[in-house]
N, C-alpha and C. Protein backbone atom coordinates (compact mmCIF):
# COMPACT_ATOMS: atom_id res chain seq x y z
N UNK A 1 -21.16 24.19 25.44
CA UNK A 1 -21.09 22.87 24.86
C UNK A 1 -22.23 22.03 25.44
N UNK A 2 -22.89 21.28 24.59
CA UNK A 2 -24.00 20.43 25.02
C UNK A 2 -23.47 19.16 25.70
N UNK A 3 -24.13 18.73 26.76
CA UNK A 3 -23.75 17.51 27.48
C UNK A 3 -24.14 16.28 26.66
N UNK A 4 -23.24 15.31 26.56
CA UNK A 4 -23.53 14.06 25.85
C UNK A 4 -24.42 13.20 26.72
N UNK A 5 -25.65 13.00 26.29
CA UNK A 5 -26.63 12.22 27.04
C UNK A 5 -27.01 10.96 26.27
N UNK A 6 -27.53 9.98 26.97
CA UNK A 6 -27.95 8.72 26.36
C UNK A 6 -28.89 8.99 25.20
N UNK A 7 -28.62 8.31 24.08
CA UNK A 7 -29.45 8.44 22.89
C UNK A 7 -28.90 9.42 21.86
N UNK A 8 -28.04 10.34 22.29
CA UNK A 8 -27.46 11.31 21.36
C UNK A 8 -26.29 10.68 20.60
N UNK A 9 -26.07 11.15 19.38
CA UNK A 9 -24.92 10.72 18.59
C UNK A 9 -23.78 11.70 18.81
N UNK A 10 -22.57 11.18 18.98
CA UNK A 10 -21.39 12.01 19.18
C UNK A 10 -20.27 11.53 18.25
N UNK A 11 -19.38 12.44 17.88
CA UNK A 11 -18.19 12.10 17.10
C UNK A 11 -17.00 12.11 18.04
N UNK A 12 -16.16 11.07 17.93
CA UNK A 12 -15.05 10.90 18.85
C UNK A 12 -13.75 10.68 18.09
N UNK A 13 -12.74 11.52 18.34
CA UNK A 13 -11.38 11.25 17.90
C UNK A 13 -10.74 10.40 18.98
N UNK A 14 -9.98 9.37 18.58
CA UNK A 14 -9.43 8.47 19.59
C UNK A 14 -8.08 7.90 19.15
N UNK A 15 -7.33 7.41 20.12
CA UNK A 15 -6.12 6.62 19.89
C UNK A 15 -6.15 5.48 20.90
N UNK A 16 -6.17 4.26 20.41
CA UNK A 16 -6.16 3.08 21.28
C UNK A 16 -4.75 2.56 21.45
N UNK A 17 -4.33 2.37 22.71
CA UNK A 17 -2.98 1.89 22.98
C UNK A 17 -3.01 0.66 23.89
N UNK A 18 -1.98 -0.16 23.74
CA UNK A 18 -1.79 -1.30 24.63
C UNK A 18 -1.07 -0.83 25.89
N UNK A 19 -0.96 -1.69 26.90
CA UNK A 19 -0.29 -1.33 28.15
C UNK A 19 1.15 -0.88 27.93
N UNK A 20 1.80 -1.40 26.87
CA UNK A 20 3.19 -1.04 26.61
C UNK A 20 3.33 0.24 25.78
N UNK A 21 2.20 0.90 25.48
CA UNK A 21 2.21 2.15 24.74
C UNK A 21 2.06 2.01 23.25
N UNK A 22 2.08 0.77 22.74
CA UNK A 22 1.93 0.55 21.30
C UNK A 22 0.52 0.95 20.85
N UNK A 23 0.44 1.73 19.79
CA UNK A 23 -0.85 2.16 19.25
C UNK A 23 -1.42 1.04 18.38
N UNK A 24 -2.66 0.60 18.67
CA UNK A 24 -3.28 -0.44 17.86
C UNK A 24 -4.36 0.10 16.94
N UNK A 25 -4.85 1.32 17.19
CA UNK A 25 -5.84 1.93 16.31
C UNK A 25 -5.94 3.41 16.64
N UNK A 26 -6.32 4.20 15.64
CA UNK A 26 -6.43 5.63 15.85
C UNK A 26 -7.33 6.22 14.77
N UNK A 27 -7.99 7.31 15.10
CA UNK A 27 -8.79 8.03 14.11
C UNK A 27 -7.96 9.13 13.43
N UNK A 28 -6.70 9.27 13.83
CA UNK A 28 -5.85 10.31 13.25
C UNK A 28 -5.76 10.14 11.73
N UNK A 29 -6.05 11.21 11.01
CA UNK A 29 -6.02 11.17 9.56
C UNK A 29 -7.28 10.59 8.94
N UNK A 30 -8.27 10.25 9.76
CA UNK A 30 -9.54 9.70 9.29
C UNK A 30 -10.68 10.48 9.93
N UNK A 31 -11.88 10.16 9.53
CA UNK A 31 -13.06 10.76 10.14
C UNK A 31 -13.19 10.24 11.57
N UNK A 32 -13.67 11.08 12.50
CA UNK A 32 -13.90 10.59 13.86
C UNK A 32 -14.94 9.47 13.86
N UNK A 33 -14.88 8.63 14.87
CA UNK A 33 -15.87 7.57 15.03
C UNK A 33 -17.17 8.20 15.53
N UNK A 34 -18.30 7.81 14.94
CA UNK A 34 -19.59 8.32 15.41
C UNK A 34 -20.30 7.20 16.16
N UNK A 35 -20.71 7.50 17.39
CA UNK A 35 -21.40 6.51 18.22
C UNK A 35 -22.64 7.13 18.84
N UNK A 36 -23.57 6.26 19.21
CA UNK A 36 -24.76 6.71 19.93
C UNK A 36 -24.54 6.42 21.41
N UNK A 37 -24.62 7.46 22.21
CA UNK A 37 -24.40 7.31 23.64
C UNK A 37 -25.40 6.33 24.25
N UNK A 38 -24.89 5.41 25.06
CA UNK A 38 -25.74 4.47 25.76
C UNK A 38 -26.19 3.28 24.96
N UNK A 39 -25.69 3.13 23.71
CA UNK A 39 -26.16 2.04 22.86
C UNK A 39 -25.39 0.75 23.08
N UNK A 40 -24.26 0.80 23.80
CA UNK A 40 -23.47 -0.39 24.08
C UNK A 40 -22.68 -0.88 22.88
N UNK A 41 -22.38 -0.01 21.91
CA UNK A 41 -21.68 -0.44 20.70
C UNK A 41 -20.17 -0.29 20.77
N UNK A 42 -19.63 0.21 21.86
CA UNK A 42 -18.17 0.30 22.02
C UNK A 42 -17.74 -0.57 23.19
N UNK A 43 -16.44 -0.87 23.24
CA UNK A 43 -15.94 -1.75 24.29
C UNK A 43 -16.02 -1.07 25.66
N UNK A 44 -16.21 -1.84 26.72
CA UNK A 44 -16.24 -1.25 28.06
C UNK A 44 -14.95 -0.47 28.34
N UNK A 45 -15.07 0.65 29.00
CA UNK A 45 -13.91 1.45 29.33
C UNK A 45 -13.55 2.50 28.31
N UNK A 46 -14.23 2.45 27.15
CA UNK A 46 -13.93 3.45 26.12
C UNK A 46 -14.40 4.75 26.60
């Protein structure tokens, strides 16, 4: 598997949850989110 490095595009399956476990967003049943590593386009901690 290739290492995800800054500048590369990656596809990510995700489920976002609140502290109480409630799901607020998910890629389940949809296309994965595509992001460019190091571009700063996702929230901190993702």
